[in-house]
Amino acid sequence: MLHDSQLPQFLWGEALNYAVYVNNRTWTQSLKDSTPFKTLTGSKPDLSNMHPWGAKVWVHDTGGTKLDGRAKLGQWVGFDEESAAHRVY
């Protein structure tokens, strides 16, 4: 993921966190065709919020004057577990 997105190598921890997030929401043979998430919580994981790691996103920016652009280009690097927000580089 890190090489494909062409992001700096210091973001390897973000890539690892997202890989674990995805892995916990996919089935495994050792759990008899179940996911670790379903085994732990009893419900199927919601995969509607899955994004490709390193995808280009636009971030709202209120700085500048009225004539300046209101968005900056960034790359999506995961979820913030504490605030349920997106992490963008």
N, C-alpha and C. Protein backbone atom coordinates (compact mmCIF):
# COMPACT_ATOMS: atom_id res chain seq x y z
N MET A 1 0.83 -1.19 0.00
CA MET A 1 0.00 0.00 0.00
C MET A 1 0.87 1.25 0.00
N LEU A 2 1.92 1.20 0.79
CA LEU A 2 2.80 2.36 0.91
C LEU A 2 3.49 2.68 -0.41
N HIS A 3 3.98 1.67 -1.08
CA HIS A 3 4.68 1.90 -2.35
C HIS A 3 3.70 2.28 -3.46
N ASP A 4 2.53 1.67 -3.46
CA ASP A 4 1.54 1.96 -4.50
C ASP A 4 1.04 3.40 -4.41
N SER A 5 0.88 3.92 -3.20
CA SER A 5 0.37 5.28 -3.02
C SER A 5 1.44 6.34 -3.21
N GLN A 6 2.72 5.93 -3.20
CA GLN A 6 3.87 6.83 -3.34
C GLN A 6 3.92 7.88 -2.23
N LEU A 7 3.46 7.49 -1.05
CA LEU A 7 3.56 8.35 0.12
C LEU A 7 4.90 8.12 0.80
N PRO A 8 5.36 9.06 1.64
CA PRO A 8 6.65 8.90 2.32
C PRO A 8 6.68 7.68 3.24
N GLN A 9 7.88 7.13 3.41
CA GLN A 9 8.03 5.90 4.20
C GLN A 9 7.72 6.09 5.68
N PHE A 10 7.76 7.32 6.19
CA PHE A 10 7.47 7.50 7.61
C PHE A 10 5.99 7.25 7.93
N LEU A 11 5.15 7.06 6.91
CA LEU A 11 3.74 6.75 7.13
C LEU A 11 3.48 5.24 7.17
N TRP A 12 4.55 4.44 7.36
CA TRP A 12 4.39 2.99 7.38
C TRP A 12 3.48 2.55 8.52
N GLY A 13 3.47 3.25 9.62
CA GLY A 13 2.60 2.92 10.75
C GLY A 13 1.14 3.10 10.39
N GLU A 14 0.83 4.17 9.64
CA GLU A 14 -0.55 4.40 9.19
C GLU A 14 -0.99 3.27 8.25
N ALA A 15 -0.09 2.85 7.36
CA ALA A 15 -0.41 1.75 6.43
C ALA A 15 -0.64 0.46 7.20
N LEU A 16 0.17 0.22 8.20
CA LEU A 16 0.01 -0.99 9.02
C LEU A 16 -1.31 -0.98 9.78
N ASN A 17 -1.67 0.17 10.36
CA ASN A 17 -2.95 0.27 11.08
C ASN A 17 -4.12 -0.04 10.16
N TYR A 18 -4.08 0.47 8.92
CA TYR A 18 -5.18 0.22 7.99
C TYR A 18 -5.20 -1.24 7.53
N ALA A 19 -4.02 -1.83 7.34
CA ALA A 19 -3.96 -3.24 6.96
C ALA A 19 -4.58 -4.12 8.04
N VAL A 20 -4.32 -3.82 9.31
CA VAL A 20 -4.90 -4.57 10.42
C VAL A 20 -6.42 -4.34 10.47
N TYR A 21 -6.85 -3.10 10.23
CA TYR A 21 -8.27 -2.76 10.21
C TYR A 21 -9.00 -3.60 9.15
N VAL A 22 -8.43 -3.69 7.95
CA VAL A 22 -9.04 -4.47 6.87
C VAL A 22 -8.99 -5.95 7.20
N ASN A 23 -7.87 -6.42 7.72
CA ASN A 23 -7.71 -7.84 8.04
C ASN A 23 -8.72 -8.30 9.09
N ASN A 24 -9.03 -7.47 10.05
CA ASN A 24 -9.99 -7.83 11.09
C ASN A 24 -11.42 -7.88 10.58
N ARG A 25 -11.66 -7.33 9.39
CA ARG A 25 -13.00 -7.31 8.83
C ARG A 25 -13.18 -8.26 7.65
N THR A 26 -12.21 -9.13 7.42
CA THR A 26 -12.32 -10.13 6.37
C THR A 26 -12.32 -11.52 7.00
N TRP A 27 -12.89 -12.49 6.29
CA TRP A 27 -13.07 -13.82 6.86
C TRP A 27 -11.74 -14.53 7.01
N THR A 28 -11.75 -15.50 7.90
CA THR A 28 -10.58 -16.34 8.12
C THR A 28 -11.02 -17.78 8.28
N GLN A 29 -10.26 -18.71 7.75
CA GLN A 29 -10.62 -20.11 7.78
C GLN A 29 -10.60 -20.68 9.20
N SER A 30 -9.74 -20.15 10.04
CA SER A 30 -9.65 -20.68 11.40
C SER A 30 -10.89 -20.38 12.24
N LEU A 31 -11.70 -19.42 11.82
CA LEU A 31 -12.94 -19.09 12.54
C LEU A 31 -14.17 -19.66 11.84
N LYS A 32 -13.98 -20.67 11.00
CA LYS A 32 -15.09 -21.32 10.29
C LYS A 32 -15.88 -20.32 9.44
N ASP A 33 -15.20 -19.68 8.51
CA ASP A 33 -15.81 -18.74 7.57
C ASP A 33 -16.45 -17.53 8.24
N SER A 34 -15.87 -17.05 9.29
CA SER A 34 -16.35 -15.86 9.99
C SER A 34 -15.21 -14.84 10.04
N THR A 35 -15.54 -13.64 10.44
CA THR A 35 -14.53 -12.60 10.59
C THR A 35 -14.20 -12.42 12.07
N PRO A 36 -12.99 -11.95 12.39
CA PRO A 36 -12.69 -11.65 13.79
C PRO A 36 -13.65 -10.62 14.37
N PHE A 37 -14.07 -9.64 13.56
CA PHE A 37 -15.00 -8.60 14.01
C PHE A 37 -16.34 -9.21 14.41
N LYS A 38 -16.87 -10.12 13.57
CA LYS A 38 -18.16 -10.74 13.87
C LYS A 38 -18.07 -11.65 15.09
N THR A 39 -16.95 -12.36 15.24
CA THR A 39 -16.75 -13.21 16.40
C THR A 39 -16.73 -12.40 17.69
N LEU A 40 -16.11 -11.24 17.65
CA LEU A 40 -15.99 -10.38 18.83
C LEU A 40 -17.29 -9.66 19.16
N THR A 41 -17.97 -9.09 18.15
CA THR A 41 -19.14 -8.26 18.40
C THR A 41 -20.47 -8.96 18.18
N GLY A 42 -20.48 -10.04 17.38
CA GLY A 42 -21.72 -10.73 17.09
C GLY A 42 -22.48 -10.16 15.91
N SER A 43 -21.97 -9.10 15.28
CA SER A 43 -22.63 -8.51 14.11
C SER A 43 -21.64 -8.40 12.96
N LYS A 44 -22.17 -8.37 11.74
CA LYS A 44 -21.32 -8.25 10.57
C LYS A 44 -20.68 -6.86 10.53
N PRO A 45 -19.46 -6.75 10.02
CA PRO A 45 -18.82 -5.43 9.92
C PRO A 45 -19.46 -4.61 8.81
N ASP A 46 -19.53 -3.31 9.02
CA ASP A 46 -20.05 -2.37 8.01
C ASP A 46 -18.88 -1.96 7.12
N LEU A 47 -18.89 -2.40 5.89
CA LEU A 47 -17.79 -2.12 4.97
C LEU A 47 -18.10 -0.96 4.03
N SER A 48 -19.17 -0.22 4.28
CA SER A 48 -19.54 0.88 3.38
C SER A 48 -18.57 2.06 3.47
N ASN A 49 -17.77 2.13 4.53
CA ASN A 49 -16.86 3.26 4.70
C ASN A 49 -15.43 2.93 4.28
N MET A 50 -15.22 1.82 3.58
CA MET A 50 -13.88 1.42 3.17
C MET A 50 -13.39 2.29 2.02
N HIS A 51 -12.18 2.79 2.14
CA HIS A 51 -11.56 3.61 1.11
C HIS A 51 -10.20 3.02 0.76
N PRO A 52 -9.74 3.20 -0.47
CA PRO A 52 -8.37 2.75 -0.77
C PRO A 52 -7.36 3.60 -0.01
N TRP A 53 -6.38 2.98 0.60
CA TRP A 53 -5.38 3.71 1.36
C TRP A 53 -4.53 4.54 0.40
N GLY A 54 -4.37 5.82 0.71
CA GLY A 54 -3.57 6.71 -0.13
C GLY A 54 -4.38 7.38 -1.22
N ALA A 55 -5.71 7.21 -1.22
CA ALA A 55 -6.55 7.82 -2.25
C ALA A 55 -6.49 9.34 -2.13
N LYS A 56 -6.57 10.01 -3.26
CA LYS A 56 -6.56 11.47 -3.28
C LYS A 56 -7.92 11.99 -2.80
N VAL A 57 -7.90 12.95 -1.88
CA VAL A 57 -9.12 13.54 -1.33
C VAL A 57 -8.96 15.06 -1.29
N TRP A 58 -10.07 15.75 -1.29
CA TRP A 58 -10.06 17.21 -1.13
C TRP A 58 -10.47 17.55 0.29
N VAL A 59 -9.72 18.45 0.93
CA VAL A 59 -9.97 18.84 2.31
C VAL A 59 -10.39 20.31 2.33
N HIS A 60 -11.49 20.60 3.01
CA HIS A 60 -12.00 21.97 3.10
C HIS A 60 -11.03 22.84 3.89
N ASP A 61 -10.72 24.01 3.36
CA ASP A 61 -9.79 24.94 3.99
C ASP A 61 -10.45 26.32 4.04
N THR A 62 -10.59 26.89 5.22
CA THR A 62 -11.25 28.19 5.36
C THR A 62 -10.27 29.35 5.32
N GLY A 63 -8.97 29.07 5.21
CA GLY A 63 -7.98 30.13 5.19
C GLY A 63 -7.98 30.89 3.86
N GLY A 64 -7.34 32.05 3.86
CA GLY A 64 -7.23 32.84 2.64
C GLY A 64 -8.35 33.84 2.49
N THR A 65 -8.42 34.43 1.30
CA THR A 65 -9.44 35.43 1.01
C THR A 65 -10.62 34.80 0.30
N LYS A 66 -11.62 35.62 -0.02
CA LYS A 66 -12.81 35.11 -0.70
C LYS A 66 -12.50 34.54 -2.07
N LEU A 67 -11.47 35.05 -2.70
CA LEU A 67 -11.15 34.62 -4.06
C LEU A 67 -10.22 33.41 -4.11
N ASP A 68 -9.68 33.03 -2.98
CA ASP A 68 -8.80 31.87 -2.94
C ASP A 68 -9.63 30.58 -2.96
N GLY A 69 -8.99 29.49 -3.35
CA GLY A 69 -9.65 28.19 -3.34
C GLY A 69 -9.99 27.77 -1.91
N ARG A 70 -11.03 27.00 -1.76
CA ARG A 70 -11.47 26.56 -0.44
C ARG A 70 -11.16 25.09 -0.18
N ALA A 71 -10.34 24.47 -1.01
CA ALA A 71 -10.01 23.06 -0.79
C ALA A 71 -8.53 22.83 -1.11
N LYS A 72 -7.95 21.90 -0.40
CA LYS A 72 -6.57 21.48 -0.64
C LYS A 72 -6.56 19.98 -0.91
N LEU A 73 -5.65 19.57 -1.78
CA LEU A 73 -5.54 18.16 -2.12
C LEU A 73 -4.71 17.44 -1.07
N GLY A 74 -5.19 16.28 -0.63
CA GLY A 74 -4.48 15.46 0.34
C GLY A 74 -4.62 14.00 -0.04
N GLN A 75 -4.04 13.13 0.76
CA GLN A 75 -4.17 11.69 0.55
C GLN A 75 -4.68 11.04 1.83
N TRP A 76 -5.70 10.18 1.67
CA TRP A 76 -6.37 9.55 2.79
C TRP A 76 -5.49 8.43 3.35
N VAL A 77 -5.25 8.45 4.67
CA VAL A 77 -4.37 7.45 5.28
C VAL A 77 -5.02 6.66 6.41
N GLY A 78 -6.32 6.80 6.62
CA GLY A 78 -6.97 5.96 7.62
C GLY A 78 -8.00 6.68 8.46
N PHE A 79 -8.42 5.97 9.49
CA PHE A 79 -9.41 6.48 10.44
C PHE A 79 -8.73 6.81 11.75
N ASP A 80 -9.22 7.83 12.43
CA ASP A 80 -8.78 8.12 13.79
C ASP A 80 -9.76 7.43 14.72
N GLU A 81 -9.29 6.44 15.43
CA GLU A 81 -10.15 5.61 16.29
C GLU A 81 -10.77 6.41 17.44
N GLU A 82 -10.07 7.40 17.95
CA GLU A 82 -10.57 8.16 19.10
C GLU A 82 -11.69 9.12 18.73
N SER A 83 -11.59 9.78 17.57
CA SER A 83 -12.57 10.79 17.22
C SER A 83 -13.47 10.37 16.08
N ALA A 84 -13.28 9.17 15.52
CA ALA A 84 -14.06 8.67 14.39
C ALA A 84 -13.95 9.60 13.18
N ALA A 85 -12.80 10.25 13.02
CA ALA A 85 -12.56 11.15 11.90
C ALA A 85 -11.61 10.48 10.90
N HIS A 86 -11.49 11.08 9.75
CA HIS A 86 -10.56 10.59 8.74
C HIS A 86 -9.19 11.23 8.95
N ARG A 87 -8.14 10.48 8.63
CA ARG A 87 -6.78 10.99 8.71
C ARG A 87 -6.30 11.26 7.28
N VAL A 88 -5.78 12.45 7.07
CA VAL A 88 -5.36 12.87 5.73
C VAL A 88 -3.93 13.40 5.82
N TYR A 89 -3.11 13.02 4.86
CA TYR A 89 -1.73 13.53 4.78
C TYR A 89 -1.68 14.58 3.69
